[in-house]
Each structure stands twice: as C-alpha cells, then as structure tokens.
Amino acid sequence: MHRFVEHRRRVAGAVALLAIAAAVLVVALPAGSQGAPTVYGAASLRTVLPALDDAPRYSFAGSDALQMQIERGAPADVFASASAKQPQALHAEGRCDTPVTFATNRLVLVVPAKAPEGAGVASLGDLTTGRRRVAIGTAGVPVGAYTRTLLAALKATTVLDRNTVSQEKDVASVLAKVALGSADAGFVYHTDALTARGRVREIALPARGQPPVTYQLCAVRRAGANADGARAFIEHMTGADGRRELARHGFGLPPRG
C-alpha cells in the first residue's frame, strides 16, 4: 500500500512539473509564433513587405481586387493598399479599423532597358505622336487611376487615344509587360522601376502632374480574425523598422504622428 501511494505521489508531481513547464513555454514564446497574420497587399508592396517581415502569409494583387475579396469574406487580417480609397471604403462598411497612412510614392514612365535611345521612348511627349504600345493599369486599380489623373493634369490624354493601349490588372503586370518588351512604355510607381533595374529604364514625369499617391493599411474586421497579429504587424510597419525598410525600397514617408 505504501508503495502504491508513493507511486501516485511521484506521478502527480511529474504531471505538475509538466504543466508548469508548458505554461512557461507558452509565456516565453514570441507573439509571432502564436500565428502570424495574413496580409493582403497591393502588388507594388510585393518586395518591401516580405523584406520587412517574412512571417505573415501574403497575398498580392491590385488593391481593388483585394478590396472585393475582403468584402466577400476572404481570410485577410491586414489590408495594405496603394490608395486610400479602398481601405476607406472598407472602413465605412465596418470591415476594417481606421486606416493608417504609412507610405507615399510617385508615378514614372518605364521603357525596355535595351530599347535604343533614338528609336525608343525618351519622354512622355514621344507617346503623344502615337503608334506605340503602351501598358497602363485598369481604371479601377490605383496605378491606373493615378495614371489617368496625371495624363489629364498634363493635358496628355491623347496618349491613350493614339497608341495601342493594354490595360493591366495591377502594376506588376504593367512592369512585366515592359520588361519583356511586349510594350514600348508603361506607367508604374518609382519603387516598381527600382525592382526591375537592368530590365527597364525609368523616365521621370513632370512634378506638376503628379497626383498624391498615398498608401494606407488597416486591420480587417471579420469573424476569427487574428486581431493581435494584425495590430503587431501594423505597429511594426509604421514604426522605425518599417519606415527604414520603406525608405530603403524607394517609398516616401508620411510625417510622424
């Protein structure tokens, strides 16, 4: 009987120690190990976001397409858009928290790097003569809306009338078309041109026509959302490390506060 009682005491003690060890392990684990958030990001963020944090699950596409997916119940925890329009719309619908501005950008014209200087496109004015293949974003995607705003401001909308224009679903598709030589020119963000150095040549566009390109992100509200992971990601993105990484990739930074 004494041996049986002693055995039970030893088993109980071992179970208690295991429980304590498990509790300590849970407390010691970093927040990211409890489940990284799922981030839906604009195509122009496809390089910088993983460079900043490779733990989240990312889905990159045009901001308009991502907005639609979130409205249909897609499992996003964070939405990072290349425009304020999409996150503000989701916020108005009660589908995300108050959006935060975290970066800015500017439009540039890109041409194939191997295109001869004389025979290729050297400026926006070259596109007004027509007979070129031009890639732009669709009107619904931010880069497409920004492009149309810029051309209207510069009184250069003839670019869309006199050339063979292909309308792409996101900025990555515009860039790829030019890099592969399938288009003579395309309108993208400065940061996208940087990712394709050696394959495309960047041409600056007049500052007077530049629309304000503002990036916003928000935590998505949905059943089962990883709210803690989303909050941590947004704090990281808007903090010192995030701002440093954004600047390193060519993005502009909004004022603090």
Protein backbone atom coordinates (compact mmCIF):
# COMPACT_ATOMS: atom_id res chain seq x y z
CA MET A 1 0.00 0.00 0.00
CA HIS A 2 2.84 2.37 0.90
CA ARG A 3 4.50 1.72 -2.49
CA PHE A 4 1.25 2.45 -4.33
CA VAL A 5 0.75 5.76 -2.51
CA GLU A 6 4.36 6.75 -3.17
CA HIS A 7 3.95 5.93 -6.89
CA ARG A 8 0.85 8.10 -7.13
CA ARG A 9 2.68 10.99 -5.47
CA ARG A 10 5.52 10.71 -7.97
CA VAL A 11 3.11 10.65 -10.94
CA ALA A 12 1.22 13.67 -9.61
CA GLY A 13 4.45 15.54 -9.09
CA ALA A 14 5.62 14.79 -12.62
CA VAL A 15 2.30 15.97 -14.09
CA ALA A 16 2.52 19.21 -12.10
CA LEU A 17 6.05 19.85 -13.34
CA LEU A 18 4.98 19.24 -16.94
CA ALA A 19 2.09 21.67 -16.54
CA ILE A 20 4.40 24.36 -15.14
CA ALA A 21 6.92 23.79 -17.93
CA ALA A 22 4.19 24.06 -20.58
CA ALA A 23 2.92 27.30 -19.05
CA VAL A 24 6.41 28.78 -19.01
CA LEU A 25 6.92 27.72 -22.63
CA VAL A 26 3.71 29.45 -23.75
CA VAL A 27 4.70 32.66 -21.97
CA ALA A 28 8.23 32.54 -23.38
CA LEU A 29 7.13 32.05 -26.99
CA PRO A 30 7.27 35.21 -29.13
CA ALA A 31 3.94 36.64 -30.27
CA GLY A 32 4.63 35.72 -33.90
CA SER A 33 4.84 32.02 -33.06
CA GLN A 34 1.20 32.07 -31.91
CA GLY A 35 0.16 32.67 -35.51
CA ALA A 36 1.36 35.26 -37.99
CA PRO A 37 -1.35 37.37 -39.66
CA THR A 38 -2.49 37.05 -43.24
CA VAL A 39 -1.69 40.24 -45.12
CA TYR A 40 -3.41 41.27 -48.34
CA GLY A 41 -1.12 43.81 -50.02
CA ALA A 42 -1.02 45.94 -53.15
CA ALA A 43 1.16 44.50 -55.90
CA SER A 44 3.62 47.39 -55.53
CA LEU A 45 4.37 46.18 -51.97
CA ARG A 46 5.35 42.66 -53.07
CA THR A 47 9.06 43.27 -52.41
CA VAL A 48 9.12 45.51 -49.36
CA LEU A 49 6.63 43.71 -47.10
CA PRO A 50 8.39 40.30 -47.10
CA ALA A 51 11.71 42.14 -46.63
CA LEU A 52 10.32 43.78 -43.52
CA ASP A 53 8.63 40.67 -42.10
CA ASP A 54 8.69 37.22 -43.69
CA ALA A 55 6.44 35.60 -41.07
CA PRO A 56 2.98 36.65 -42.36
CA ARG A 57 1.16 34.90 -45.17
CA TYR A 58 0.97 37.36 -48.06
CA SER A 59 -1.44 37.74 -50.97
CA PHE A 60 -0.52 40.43 -53.51
CA ALA A 61 -2.79 41.84 -56.21
CA GLY A 62 -4.43 45.07 -57.33
CA SER A 63 -5.90 46.96 -54.38
CA ASP A 64 -9.36 46.98 -55.98
CA ALA A 65 -9.32 43.19 -56.37
CA LEU A 66 -8.18 42.74 -52.77
CA GLN A 67 -10.94 45.01 -51.52
CA MET A 68 -13.50 42.90 -53.36
CA GLN A 69 -12.06 39.70 -51.92
CA ILE A 70 -12.23 41.07 -48.39
CA GLU A 71 -15.83 42.18 -48.92
CA ARG A 72 -16.59 38.61 -49.95
CA GLY A 73 -15.11 37.17 -46.76
CA ALA A 74 -11.50 36.42 -47.71
CA PRO A 75 -9.37 35.45 -44.66
CA ALA A 76 -7.30 38.65 -44.51
CA ASP A 77 -6.13 40.11 -41.20
CA VAL A 78 -4.39 43.19 -42.64
CA PHE A 79 -5.10 45.13 -45.82
CA ALA A 80 -2.27 47.30 -47.24
CA SER A 81 -3.46 49.38 -50.19
CA ALA A 82 -1.74 51.61 -52.74
CA SER A 83 -4.58 54.09 -52.35
CA ALA A 84 -6.70 55.47 -49.53
CA LYS A 85 -9.89 54.78 -51.50
CA GLN A 86 -10.13 51.02 -50.89
CA PRO A 87 -9.37 50.86 -47.13
CA GLN A 88 -11.57 53.90 -46.50
CA ALA A 89 -14.43 52.13 -48.28
CA LEU A 90 -13.91 49.01 -46.16
CA HIS A 91 -13.81 51.15 -43.02
CA ALA A 92 -17.10 52.81 -43.99
CA GLU A 93 -18.60 49.32 -44.40
CA GLY A 94 -17.35 48.29 -40.95
CA ARG A 95 -14.96 45.76 -42.44
CA CYS A 96 -11.72 47.27 -41.13
CA ASP A 97 -10.40 49.56 -38.40
CA THR A 98 -9.44 53.17 -39.05
CA PRO A 99 -6.90 53.16 -41.93
CA VAL A 100 -3.39 54.49 -41.31
CA THR A 101 -1.20 56.19 -43.92
CA PHE A 102 2.21 54.54 -43.98
CA ALA A 103 3.91 55.43 -47.30
CA THR A 104 3.83 57.55 -50.44
CA ASN A 105 5.06 57.05 -53.99
CA ARG A 106 5.21 58.75 -57.39
CA LEU A 107 4.48 57.76 -60.97
CA VAL A 108 7.21 57.22 -63.56
CA LEU A 109 7.35 56.04 -67.16
CA VAL A 110 9.37 52.89 -67.85
CA VAL A 111 10.69 51.62 -71.17
CA PRO A 112 12.63 48.44 -72.03
CA ALA A 113 16.25 48.85 -70.98
CA LYS A 114 17.50 47.52 -74.31
CA ALA A 115 15.38 49.87 -76.41
CA PRO A 116 17.66 52.14 -78.50
CA GLU A 117 17.71 55.71 -77.17
CA GLY A 118 16.88 57.17 -80.59
CA ALA A 119 14.29 54.63 -81.68
CA GLY A 120 12.65 54.17 -78.28
CA VAL A 121 10.68 56.44 -75.96
CA ALA A 122 12.70 59.18 -74.27
CA SER A 123 9.89 61.26 -72.77
CA LEU A 124 6.15 61.43 -72.27
CA GLY A 125 5.98 63.69 -75.34
CA ASP A 126 7.08 60.80 -77.55
CA LEU A 127 3.85 58.98 -76.67
CA THR A 128 1.66 61.83 -77.91
CA THR A 129 2.68 61.12 -81.50
CA GLY A 130 1.07 57.69 -81.35
CA ARG A 131 1.93 54.29 -82.88
CA ARG A 132 3.41 52.92 -79.64
CA ARG A 133 2.44 50.02 -77.43
CA VAL A 134 1.60 51.42 -74.00
CA ALA A 135 0.74 49.46 -70.84
CA ILE A 136 -1.33 51.04 -68.08
CA GLY A 137 -3.35 49.79 -65.13
CA THR A 138 -7.11 49.40 -65.48
CA ALA A 139 -9.18 52.36 -64.29
CA GLY A 140 -10.19 50.52 -61.11
CA VAL A 141 -6.69 49.70 -59.84
CA PRO A 142 -4.85 52.58 -58.09
CA VAL A 143 -1.95 52.82 -60.56
CA GLY A 144 -4.46 53.06 -63.41
CA ALA A 145 -6.48 55.78 -61.69
CA TYR A 146 -3.31 57.70 -60.83
CA THR A 147 -2.10 57.41 -64.45
CA ARG A 148 -5.31 58.86 -65.84
CA THR A 149 -5.23 61.69 -63.30
CA LEU A 150 -1.64 62.52 -64.29
CA LEU A 151 -2.35 62.50 -68.02
CA ALA A 152 -5.38 64.73 -67.54
CA ALA A 153 -3.36 67.19 -65.44
CA LEU A 154 -0.66 67.31 -68.11
CA LYS A 155 -3.24 67.58 -70.92
CA ALA A 156 -1.76 64.44 -72.43
CA THR A 157 -4.79 62.14 -72.60
CA THR A 158 -4.09 61.70 -76.33
CA VAL A 159 -1.55 59.11 -75.17
CA LEU A 160 -4.50 56.78 -74.56
CA ASP A 161 -6.12 57.57 -77.91
CA ARG A 162 -3.20 57.47 -80.34
CA ASN A 163 -1.38 54.38 -79.09
CA THR A 164 -2.17 50.69 -78.74
CA VAL A 165 -3.03 50.55 -75.04
CA SER A 166 -3.13 47.38 -72.95
CA GLN A 167 -4.91 47.65 -69.63
CA GLU A 168 -3.38 45.50 -66.89
CA LYS A 169 -4.84 44.19 -63.64
CA ASP A 170 -2.04 45.57 -61.42
CA VAL A 171 1.26 47.44 -61.53
CA ALA A 172 3.30 44.23 -61.53
CA SER A 173 1.66 43.24 -64.81
CA VAL A 174 2.43 46.64 -66.36
CA LEU A 175 6.07 46.35 -65.31
CA ALA A 176 6.39 42.79 -66.62
CA LYS A 177 4.96 43.74 -69.99
CA VAL A 178 7.57 46.48 -70.45
CA ALA A 179 10.44 44.39 -69.05
CA LEU A 180 9.64 41.61 -71.54
CA GLY A 181 9.47 44.04 -74.45
CA SER A 182 5.76 43.43 -75.02
CA ALA A 183 5.14 47.14 -74.52
CA ASP A 184 7.19 50.16 -75.58
CA ALA A 185 6.34 52.04 -72.40
CA GLY A 186 4.31 51.72 -69.22
CA PHE A 187 3.22 53.81 -66.26
CA VAL A 188 4.33 52.39 -62.90
CA TYR A 189 5.48 53.57 -59.48
CA HIS A 190 9.06 54.67 -58.90
CA THR A 191 9.50 51.77 -56.47
CA ASP A 192 8.50 49.25 -59.13
CA ALA A 193 11.04 50.67 -61.57
CA LEU A 194 13.71 50.15 -58.89
CA THR A 195 12.86 46.44 -58.61
CA ALA A 196 13.46 45.97 -62.35
CA ARG A 197 16.71 47.91 -62.82
CA GLY A 198 18.63 46.38 -65.68
CA ARG A 199 15.43 45.32 -67.41
CA VAL A 200 13.68 48.69 -67.67
CA ARG A 201 14.79 52.31 -67.86
CA GLU A 202 12.99 54.88 -65.74
CA ILE A 203 11.84 58.22 -67.16
CA ALA A 204 10.75 60.93 -64.75
CA LEU A 205 7.33 62.54 -65.22
CA PRO A 206 6.60 66.24 -64.56
CA ALA A 207 6.03 67.02 -60.89
CA ARG A 208 3.13 69.36 -61.72
CA GLY A 209 1.06 66.41 -62.95
CA GLN A 210 1.83 64.03 -60.11
CA PRO A 211 -1.25 63.00 -58.09
CA PRO A 212 -0.75 62.34 -54.38
CA VAL A 213 0.00 58.59 -54.17
CA THR A 214 -0.91 57.57 -50.63
CA TYR A 215 -0.65 54.08 -49.14
CA GLN A 216 -2.91 53.07 -46.27
CA LEU A 217 -3.32 49.90 -44.23
CA CYS A 218 -5.88 48.68 -41.76
CA ALA A 219 -6.74 45.71 -39.57
CA VAL A 220 -9.58 43.72 -41.12
CA ARG A 221 -12.68 43.08 -39.04
CA ARG A 222 -14.09 39.59 -39.54
CA ALA A 223 -15.04 36.54 -37.51
CA GLY A 224 -11.88 34.68 -36.50
CA ALA A 225 -9.50 37.47 -37.48
CA ASN A 226 -6.03 37.47 -35.94
CA ALA A 227 -6.50 40.88 -34.29
CA ASP A 228 -3.36 40.68 -32.16
CA GLY A 229 -1.21 39.65 -35.12
CA ALA A 230 -2.70 42.41 -37.26
CA ARG A 231 -2.06 45.03 -34.59
CA ALA A 232 1.54 43.91 -34.15
CA PHE A 233 2.16 43.96 -37.91
CA ILE A 234 0.74 47.47 -38.31
CA GLU A 235 2.82 48.76 -35.39
CA HIS A 236 5.92 47.20 -36.96
CA MET A 237 5.06 48.64 -40.38
CA THR A 238 4.54 52.17 -39.09
CA GLY A 239 7.42 52.04 -36.60
CA ALA A 240 11.10 52.83 -37.05
CA ASP A 241 11.97 49.49 -38.70
CA GLY A 242 9.09 49.72 -41.14
CA ARG A 243 9.86 53.30 -42.13
CA ARG A 244 13.52 52.41 -42.60
CA GLU A 245 12.67 49.47 -44.88
CA LEU A 246 10.17 51.50 -46.88
CA ALA A 247 12.73 54.25 -47.45
CA ARG A 248 15.33 51.68 -48.47
CA HIS A 249 12.94 50.43 -51.16
CA GLY A 250 12.32 53.93 -52.51
CA PHE A 251 9.00 54.80 -50.87
CA GLY A 252 8.25 58.23 -49.47
CA LEU A 253 7.33 58.52 -45.80
CA PRO A 254 4.42 60.47 -44.31
CA PRO A 255 5.13 62.80 -41.36
CA ARG A 256 5.12 61.08 -37.98
CA GLY A 257 2.02 61.46 -35.92
